[in-house]
C-alpha atoms as a PDB file:
ATOM      1  CA  UNK A   1     155.565 -58.488  58.177  1.00  0.00           C
ATOM      2  CA  UNK A   2     155.611 -55.312  60.267  1.00  0.00           C
ATOM      3  CA  UNK A   3     156.455 -52.188  58.262  1.00  0.00           C
ATOM      4  CA  UNK A   4     156.097 -49.771  61.169  1.00  0.00           C
ATOM      5  CA  UNK A   5     156.409 -50.587  64.859  1.00  0.00           C
ATOM      6  CA  UNK A   6     155.754 -48.015  67.566  1.00  0.00           C
ATOM      7  CA  UNK A   7     156.236 -48.954  71.215  1.00  0.00           C
ATOM      8  CA  UNK A   8     155.491 -46.850  74.303  1.00  0.00           C
ATOM      9  CA  UNK A   9     156.179 -43.578  72.500  1.00  0.00           C
ATOM     10  CA  UNK A  10     155.929 -40.443  74.584  1.00  0.00           C
ATOM     11  CA  UNK A  11     156.598 -36.886  73.433  1.00  0.00           C
ATOM     12  CA  UNK A  12     156.879 -33.912  75.757  1.00  0.00           C
ATOM     13  CA  UNK A  13     157.433 -30.298  74.685  1.00  0.00           C
ATOM     14  CA  UNK A  14     158.758 -27.719  77.166  1.00  0.00           C
ATOM     15  CA  UNK A  15     156.548 -24.675  77.740  1.00  0.00           C
ATOM     16  CA  UNK A  16     156.735 -21.543  79.876  1.00  0.00           C
ATOM     17  CA  UNK A  17     154.312 -23.202  82.284  1.00  0.00           C
ATOM     18  CA  UNK A  18     156.347 -26.425  82.496  1.00  0.00           C
ATOM     19  CA  UNK A  19     155.681 -29.048  79.833  1.00  0.00           C
ATOM     20  CA  UNK A  20     153.074 -30.168  77.330  1.00  0.00           C
ATOM     21  CA  UNK A  21     152.558 -33.911  76.864  1.00  0.00           C
ATOM     22  CA  UNK A  22     151.744 -34.296  73.162  1.00  0.00           C
ATOM     23  CA  UNK A  23     151.873 -38.111  73.092  1.00  0.00           C
ATOM     24  CA  UNK A  24     151.497 -40.570  75.941  1.00  0.00           C
ATOM     25  CA  UNK A  25     152.229 -44.316  75.754  1.00  0.00           C
ATOM     26  CA  UNK A  26     151.503 -44.849  72.040  1.00  0.00           C
ATOM     27  CA  UNK A  27     151.971 -48.422  70.809  1.00  0.00           C
ATOM     28  CA  UNK A  28     150.868 -50.028  67.533  1.00  0.00           C
ATOM     29  CA  UNK A  29     152.222 -51.777  64.452  1.00  0.00           C
ATOM     30  CA  UNK A  30     151.365 -51.447  60.772  1.00  0.00           C
ATOM     31  CA  UNK A  31     151.758 -54.357  58.386  1.00  0.00           C
ATOM     32  CA  UNK A  32     153.534 -54.112  55.051  1.00  0.00           C
ATOM     33  CA  UNK A  33     151.168 -52.936  52.308  1.00  0.00           C
ATOM     34  CA  UNK A  34     148.516 -51.806  54.788  1.00  0.00           C
ATOM     35  CA  UNK A  35     146.621 -48.509  54.645  1.00  0.00           C
ATOM     36  CA  UNK A  36     146.507 -47.303  58.252  1.00  0.00           C
ATOM     37  CA  UNK A  37     144.597 -44.114  59.014  1.00  0.00           C
ATOM     38  CA  UNK A  38     144.820 -41.976  62.139  1.00  0.00           C
ATOM     39  CA  UNK A  39     141.971 -39.665  63.085  1.00  0.00           C
ATOM     40  CA  UNK A  40     141.048 -37.344  65.917  1.00  0.00           C
ATOM     41  CA  UNK A  41     140.371 -33.716  66.779  1.00  0.00           C
ATOM     42  CA  UNK A  42     142.823 -30.857  66.259  1.00  0.00           C
ATOM     43  CA  UNK A  43     145.841 -30.899  68.611  1.00  0.00           C
ATOM     44  CA  UNK A  44     145.284 -34.527  69.606  1.00  0.00           C
ATOM     45  CA  UNK A  45     148.817 -35.468  68.507  1.00  0.00           C
ATOM     46  CA  UNK A  46     148.374 -36.780  64.945  1.00  0.00           C
ATOM     47  CA  UNK A  47     151.045 -34.597  63.311  1.00  0.00           C
ATOM     48  CA  UNK A  48     153.491 -35.183  66.170  1.00  0.00           C
ATOM     49  CA  UNK A  49     153.031 -38.939  65.834  1.00  0.00           C
ATOM     50  CA  UNK A  50     153.533 -38.876  62.062  1.00  0.00           C
ATOM     51  CA  UNK A  51     156.665 -36.741  62.484  1.00  0.00           C
ATOM     52  CA  UNK A  52     158.136 -39.280  64.902  1.00  0.00           C
ATOM     53  CA  UNK A  53     157.287 -42.211  62.620  1.00  0.00           C
ATOM     54  CA  UNK A  54     158.901 -40.430  59.673  1.00  0.00           C
ATOM     55  CA  UNK A  55     162.112 -39.614  61.490  1.00  0.00           C
ATOM     56  CA  UNK A  56     161.516 -35.860  61.650  1.00  0.00           C
ATOM     57  CA  UNK A  57     160.969 -35.565  65.407  1.00  0.00           C
ATOM     58  CA  UNK A  58     162.668 -37.662  68.066  1.00  0.00           C
ATOM     59  CA  UNK A  59     160.427 -39.095  70.793  1.00  0.00           C
ATOM     60  CA  UNK A  60     161.061 -38.216  74.416  1.00  0.00           C
ATOM     61  CA  UNK A  61     160.899 -41.929  75.203  1.00  0.00           C
ATOM     62  CA  UNK A  62     159.859 -45.148  73.509  1.00  0.00           C
ATOM     63  CA  UNK A  63     160.843 -46.548  70.131  1.00  0.00           C
ATOM     64  CA  UNK A  64     159.679 -46.205  66.528  1.00  0.00           C
ATOM     65  CA  UNK A  65     161.045 -48.390  63.731  1.00  0.00           C
ATOM     66  CA  UNK A  66     160.390 -48.725  60.000  1.00  0.00           C
ATOM     67  CA  UNK A  67     161.091 -52.179  58.591  1.00  0.00           C
ATOM     68  CA  UNK A  68     163.142 -52.852  61.710  1.00  0.00           C
ATOM     69  CA  UNK A  69     165.287 -49.719  61.326  1.00  0.00           C
ATOM     70  CA  UNK A  70     165.390 -47.080  64.070  1.00  0.00           C
ATOM     71  CA  UNK A  71     166.145 -43.750  62.407  1.00  0.00           C
ATOM     72  CA  UNK A  72     167.098 -42.229  65.750  1.00  0.00           C
ATOM     73  CA  UNK A  73     170.003 -44.652  66.084  1.00  0.00           C
ATOM     74  CA  UNK A  74     171.440 -43.406  62.768  1.00  0.00           C
ATOM     75  CA  UNK A  75     173.673 -40.415  62.209  1.00  0.00           C
ATOM     76  CA  UNK A  76     172.217 -37.445  60.343  1.00  0.00           C
ATOM     77  CA  UNK A  77     173.485 -38.512  56.910  1.00  0.00           C
ATOM     78  CA  UNK A  78     172.280 -42.104  57.285  1.00  0.00           C
ATOM     79  CA  UNK A  79     168.843 -40.960  58.448  1.00  0.00           C
ATOM     80  CA  UNK A  80     168.523 -38.449  55.585  1.00  0.00           C
ATOM     81  CA  UNK A  81     169.479 -41.124  53.050  1.00  0.00           C
ATOM     82  CA  UNK A  82     166.976 -43.596  54.547  1.00  0.00           C
ATOM     83  CA  UNK A  83     164.186 -41.005  54.384  1.00  0.00           C
ATOM     84  CA  UNK A  84     164.963 -40.173  50.759  1.00  0.00           C
ATOM     85  CA  UNK A  85     165.084 -43.800  49.644  1.00  0.00           C
ATOM     86  CA  UNK A  86     162.311 -45.337  51.709  1.00  0.00           C
ATOM     87  CA  UNK A  87     159.831 -42.700  52.956  1.00  0.00           C
ATOM     88  CA  UNK A  88     157.464 -40.467  50.989  1.00  0.00           C
ATOM     89  CA  UNK A  89     155.840 -37.475  52.698  1.00  0.00           C
ATOM     90  CA  UNK A  90     152.715 -35.515  51.809  1.00  0.00           C
ATOM     91  CA  UNK A  91     151.759 -32.606  54.052  1.00  0.00           C
ATOM     92  CA  UNK A  92     148.569 -30.549  54.476  1.00  0.00           C
ATOM     93  CA  UNK A  93     149.815 -28.094  51.853  1.00  0.00           C
ATOM     94  CA  UNK A  94     151.370 -29.614  48.707  1.00  0.00           C
ATOM     95  CA  UNK A  95     154.666 -27.644  49.022  1.00  0.00           C
ATOM     96  CA  UNK A  96     155.368 -27.799  45.290  1.00  0.00           C
ATOM     97  CA  UNK A  97     158.039 -25.659  43.628  1.00  0.00           C
ATOM     98  CA  UNK A  98     155.955 -22.933  41.989  1.00  0.00           C
ATOM     99  CA  UNK A  99     158.444 -22.137  39.228  1.00  0.00           C
ATOM    100  CA  UNK A 100     158.791 -25.802  38.188  1.00  0.00           C
ATOM    101  CA  UNK A 101     156.462 -27.658  35.827  1.00  0.00           C
ATOM    102  CA  UNK A 102     154.722 -30.813  37.015  1.00  0.00           C
ATOM    103  CA  UNK A 103     157.322 -32.873  35.222  1.00  0.00           C
ATOM    104  CA  UNK A 104     160.130 -30.962  36.935  1.00  0.00           C
ATOM    105  CA  UNK A 105     158.474 -31.209  40.370  1.00  0.00           C
ATOM    106  CA  UNK A 106     158.194 -34.983  40.102  1.00  0.00           C
ATOM    107  CA  UNK A 107     161.761 -35.231  38.836  1.00  0.00           C
ATOM    108  CA  UNK A 108     163.266 -33.605  41.951  1.00  0.00           C
ATOM    109  CA  UNK A 109     163.468 -36.792  44.094  1.00  0.00           C
ATOM    110  CA  UNK A 110     164.870 -38.699  41.119  1.00  0.00           C
ATOM    111  CA  UNK A 111     167.602 -36.110  40.620  1.00  0.00           C
ATOM    112  CA  UNK A 112     168.474 -36.292  44.328  1.00  0.00           C
ATOM    113  CA  UNK A 113     168.998 -40.029  43.835  1.00  0.00           C
ATOM    114  CA  UNK A 114     171.288 -39.390  40.872  1.00  0.00           C
ATOM    115  CA  UNK A 115     168.687 -40.420  38.282  1.00  0.00           C
ATOM    116  CA  UNK A 116     168.652 -37.869  35.489  1.00  0.00           C
ATOM    117  CA  UNK A 117     167.891 -37.149  31.848  1.00  0.00           C
ATOM    118  CA  UNK A 118     165.695 -39.581  29.922  1.00  0.00           C
ATOM    119  CA  UNK A 119     165.309 -42.164  32.696  1.00  0.00           C
ATOM    120  CA  UNK A 120     164.101 -39.560  35.186  1.00  0.00           C
ATOM    121  CA  UNK A 121     161.711 -38.040  32.651  1.00  0.00           C
ATOM    122  CA  UNK A 122     160.262 -41.431  31.740  1.00  0.00           C
ATOM    123  CA  UNK A 123     159.625 -42.308  35.395  1.00  0.00           C
ATOM    124  CA  UNK A 124     158.092 -38.910  36.190  1.00  0.00           C
ATOM    125  CA  UNK A 125     155.849 -39.106  33.111  1.00  0.00           C
ATOM    126  CA  UNK A 126     154.724 -42.596  34.108  1.00  0.00           C
ATOM    127  CA  UNK A 127     153.517 -41.349  37.490  1.00  0.00           C
ATOM    128  CA  UNK A 128     151.892 -38.222  36.006  1.00  0.00           C
ATOM    129  CA  UNK A 129     149.971 -40.451  33.592  1.00  0.00           C
ATOM    130  CA  UNK A 130     148.844 -42.723  36.440  1.00  0.00           C
ATOM    131  CA  UNK A 131     147.464 -39.631  38.187  1.00  0.00           C
ATOM    132  CA  UNK A 132     145.534 -38.575  35.100  1.00  0.00           C
ATOM    133  CA  UNK A 133     147.468 -35.317  34.735  1.00  0.00           C
ATOM    134  CA  UNK A 134     149.458 -35.964  31.578  1.00  0.00           C
ATOM    135  CA  UNK A 135     147.940 -32.950  29.781  1.00  0.00           C
ATOM    136  CA  UNK A 136     149.367 -30.741  32.575  1.00  0.00           C
ATOM    137  CA  UNK A 137     152.914 -32.129  32.519  1.00  0.00           C
ATOM    138  CA  UNK A 138     154.391 -28.853  31.232  1.00  0.00           C
ATOM    139  CA  UNK A 139     152.218 -26.589  33.404  1.00  0.00           C
ATOM    140  CA  UNK A 140     153.273 -24.886  36.640  1.00  0.00           C
ATOM    141  CA  UNK A 141     151.307 -25.668  39.829  1.00  0.00           C
ATOM    142  CA  UNK A 142     149.558 -22.282  40.058  1.00  0.00           C
ATOM    143  CA  UNK A 143     147.143 -23.127  37.253  1.00  0.00           C
ATOM    144  CA  UNK A 144     146.028 -26.394  38.902  1.00  0.00           C
ATOM    145  CA  UNK A 145     143.097 -26.956  41.241  1.00  0.00           C
ATOM    146  CA  UNK A 146     143.831 -27.749  44.886  1.00  0.00           C
ATOM    147  CA  UNK A 147     142.915 -31.398  44.278  1.00  0.00           C
ATOM    148  CA  UNK A 148     145.325 -31.580  41.341  1.00  0.00           C
ATOM    149  CA  UNK A 149     148.102 -30.008  43.404  1.00  0.00           C
ATOM    150  CA  UNK A 150     147.537 -32.623  46.086  1.00  0.00           C
ATOM    151  CA  UNK A 151     147.727 -35.367  43.462  1.00  0.00           C
ATOM    152  CA  UNK A 152     151.043 -33.952  42.241  1.00  0.00           C
ATOM    153  CA  UNK A 153     152.389 -33.916  45.813  1.00  0.00           C
ATOM    154  CA  UNK A 154     151.366 -37.556  46.205  1.00  0.00           C
ATOM    155  CA  UNK A 155     152.957 -38.391  42.869  1.00  0.00           C
ATOM    156  CA  UNK A 156     156.206 -36.718  43.896  1.00  0.00           C
ATOM    157  CA  UNK A 157     156.195 -38.726  47.141  1.00  0.00           C
ATOM    158  CA  UNK A 158     155.621 -41.967  45.225  1.00  0.00           C
ATOM    159  CA  UNK A 159     157.981 -41.460  42.277  1.00  0.00           C
ATOM    160  CA  UNK A 160     160.799 -43.396  43.984  1.00  0.00           C
ATOM    161  CA  UNK A 161     158.379 -46.144  45.099  1.00  0.00           C
ATOM    162  CA  UNK A 162     159.077 -45.707  48.824  1.00  0.00           C
ATOM    163  CA  UNK A 163     158.372 -48.465  51.308  1.00  0.00           C
ATOM    164  CA  UNK A 164     156.364 -46.097  53.511  1.00  0.00           C
ATOM    165  CA  UNK A 165     154.095 -43.201  52.535  1.00  0.00           C
ATOM    166  CA  UNK A 166     153.195 -40.738  55.301  1.00  0.00           C
ATOM    167  CA  UNK A 167     150.362 -38.254  54.763  1.00  0.00           C
ATOM    168  CA  UNK A 168     149.296 -35.479  57.125  1.00  0.00           C
ATOM    169  CA  UNK A 169     145.714 -34.428  56.296  1.00  0.00           C
ATOM    170  CA  UNK A 170     146.271 -34.084  52.531  1.00  0.00           C
ATOM    171  CA  UNK A 171     142.510 -33.798  51.904  1.00  0.00           C
ATOM    172  CA  UNK A 172     141.695 -31.303  54.677  1.00  0.00           C
ATOM    173  CA  UNK A 173     141.201 -28.342  52.313  1.00  0.00           C
ATOM    174  CA  UNK A 174     139.322 -30.320  49.648  1.00  0.00           C
ATOM    175  CA  UNK A 175     135.648 -31.071  49.118  1.00  0.00           C
ATOM    176  CA  UNK A 176     134.511 -34.645  49.646  1.00  0.00           C
ATOM    177  CA  UNK A 177     134.409 -35.678  45.978  1.00  0.00           C
ATOM    178  CA  UNK A 178     137.972 -34.426  45.507  1.00  0.00           C
ATOM    179  CA  UNK A 179     139.007 -36.337  48.614  1.00  0.00           C
ATOM    180  CA  UNK A 180     137.501 -39.507  47.156  1.00  0.00           C
ATOM    181  CA  UNK A 181     139.413 -38.954  43.921  1.00  0.00           C
ATOM    182  CA  UNK A 182     142.688 -38.448  45.829  1.00  0.00           C
ATOM    183  CA  UNK A 183     142.214 -41.545  47.987  1.00  0.00           C
ATOM    184  CA  UNK A 184     141.179 -43.627  44.970  1.00  0.00           C
ATOM    185  CA  UNK A 185     144.439 -42.853  43.185  1.00  0.00           C
ATOM    186  CA  UNK A 186     146.437 -43.289  46.380  1.00  0.00           C
ATOM    187  CA  UNK A 187     144.884 -46.640  47.212  1.00  0.00           C
ATOM    188  CA  UNK A 188     145.454 -47.952  43.695  1.00  0.00           C
ATOM    189  CA  UNK A 189     149.106 -46.900  43.598  1.00  0.00           C
ATOM    190  CA  UNK A 190     149.809 -48.238  47.096  1.00  0.00           C
ATOM    191  CA  UNK A 191     148.077 -51.525  46.307  1.00  0.00           C
ATOM    192  CA  UNK A 192     149.915 -51.965  42.998  1.00  0.00           C
ATOM    193  CA  UNK A 193     153.341 -51.417  44.555  1.00  0.00           C
ATOM    194  CA  UNK A 194     152.767 -52.779  48.093  1.00  0.00           C
ATOM    195  CA  UNK A 195     153.492 -49.402  49.660  1.00  0.00           C
ATOM    196  CA  UNK A 196     152.529 -49.034  53.310  1.00  0.00           C
ATOM    197  CA  UNK A 197     150.397 -45.927  53.877  1.00  0.00           C
ATOM    198  CA  UNK A 198     150.111 -44.176  57.248  1.00  0.00           C
ATOM    199  CA  UNK A 199     147.795 -41.187  56.999  1.00  0.00           C
ATOM    200  CA  UNK A 200     146.067 -38.672  59.214  1.00  0.00           C
ATOM    201  CA  UNK A 201     142.583 -38.334  57.693  1.00  0.00           C
ATOM    202  CA  UNK A 202     139.854 -36.604  59.713  1.00  0.00           C
ATOM    203  CA  UNK A 203     137.006 -36.985  57.195  1.00  0.00           C
ATOM    204  CA  UNK A 204     135.210 -40.130  58.389  1.00  0.00           C
ATOM    205  CA  UNK A 205     133.676 -40.597  54.929  1.00  0.00           C
ATOM    206  CA  UNK A 206     137.162 -41.433  53.622  1.00  0.00           C
ATOM    207  CA  UNK A 207     137.899 -44.070  56.259  1.00  0.00           C
ATOM    208  CA  UNK A 208     136.550 -46.962  54.102  1.00  0.00           C
ATOM    209  CA  UNK A 209     139.755 -46.600  52.070  1.00  0.00           C
ATOM    210  CA  UNK A 210     141.728 -47.832  55.102  1.00  0.00           C
ATOM    211  CA  UNK A 211     142.418 -51.320  56.373  1.00  0.00           C
ATOM    212  CA  UNK A 212     142.444 -49.984  59.936  1.00  0.00           C
ATOM    213  CA  UNK A 213     141.564 -46.673  61.548  1.00  0.00           C
ATOM    214  CA  UNK A 214     143.148 -45.549  64.846  1.00  0.00           C
ATOM    215  CA  UNK A 215     141.271 -42.896  66.808  1.00  0.00           C
ATOM    216  CA  UNK A 216     143.271 -40.444  68.914  1.00  0.00           C
ATOM    217  CA  UNK A 217     142.326 -38.150  71.769  1.00  0.00           C
ATOM    218  CA  UNK A 218     144.543 -36.149  74.130  1.00  0.00           C
ATOM    219  CA  UNK A 219     147.757 -37.705  72.838  1.00  0.00           C
ATOM    220  CA  UNK A 220     146.568 -41.296  73.091  1.00  0.00           C
ATOM    221  CA  UNK A 221     145.108 -43.932  70.772  1.00  0.00           C
ATOM    222  CA  UNK A 222     141.883 -45.073  72.427  1.00  0.00           C
ATOM    223  CA  UNK A 223     140.324 -47.219  69.675  1.00  0.00           C
ATOM    224  CA  UNK A 224     141.399 -49.118  66.554  1.00  0.00           C
ATOM    225  CA  UNK A 225     138.808 -50.460  64.104  1.00  0.00           C
ATOM    226  CA  UNK A 226     139.232 -52.836  61.178  1.00  0.00           C
ATOM    227  CA  UNK A 227     141.789 -55.548  60.543  1.00  0.00           C
ATOM    228  CA  UNK A 228     145.035 -55.653  58.524  1.00  0.00           C
ATOM    229  CA  UNK A 229     144.323 -56.665  54.943  1.00  0.00           C
ATOM    230  CA  UNK A 230     140.540 -56.735  55.426  1.00  0.00           C
ATOM    231  CA  UNK A 231     139.925 -54.274  52.602  1.00  0.00           C
ATOM    232  CA  UNK A 232     141.680 -56.556  50.119  1.00  0.00           C
ATOM    233  CA  UNK A 233     138.833 -59.043  50.511  1.00  0.00           C
ATOM    234  CA  UNK A 234     136.240 -56.380  49.729  1.00  0.00           C
ATOM    235  CA  UNK A 235     135.798 -54.117  46.725  1.00  0.00           C
ATOM    236  CA  UNK A 236     139.215 -52.454  46.995  1.00  0.00           C
ATOM    237  CA  UNK A 237     138.695 -49.131  45.249  1.00  0.00           C
ATOM    238  CA  UNK A 238     135.914 -46.598  44.988  1.00  0.00           C
ATOM    239  CA  UNK A 239     135.441 -45.232  41.481  1.00  0.00           C
ATOM    240  CA  UNK A 240     134.034 -41.826  40.555  1.00  0.00           C
END
């Protein structure tokens, strides 16, 4: 089943000189439960594409759907509710609330869904334990390493078990071993819960965590390697 379907997407930004074509004729689909990575040089269009897929930036033309739903055909409230319930986001910087503990940071999406008190705490603690950060549950983000902050951001995105997880270069500021640790946890959680992952990851050494890798250049996808579900038939996770 297709979790994400992108067809003939084009995105143009106006400039003083005329216009800048950020994306040109992008088409692909991602199957449910697949880990789909997008790579390419800076300014090739990765972030723009992820923003369109996640309902944050409307395409100039073309269509993008998640599980058959077009967010750009919804009103603002419907789209916001769909994003909260079904899409998890992780950006280049973790964007955690500095005055909140880890437990409180992971509880935020649950509170927005009306889940509070003991139930919210139990769910947040479950995810923190899965990430191996239980001893830090009452700590604020500032005392954590960059890799740990990224793990917390991923945990916050996954706490509601979204259908789609979108990541924009979450390992870009980390060393390779930390990147492996992050992707190991991510792959395990996505695999356990059949969460579809669409991620911009430039580090080619992390691409074995993906089922497929799409390579971008100048706003276009020019090559896709791998096959949907292929990684499930291999050793699925790398262990430190």
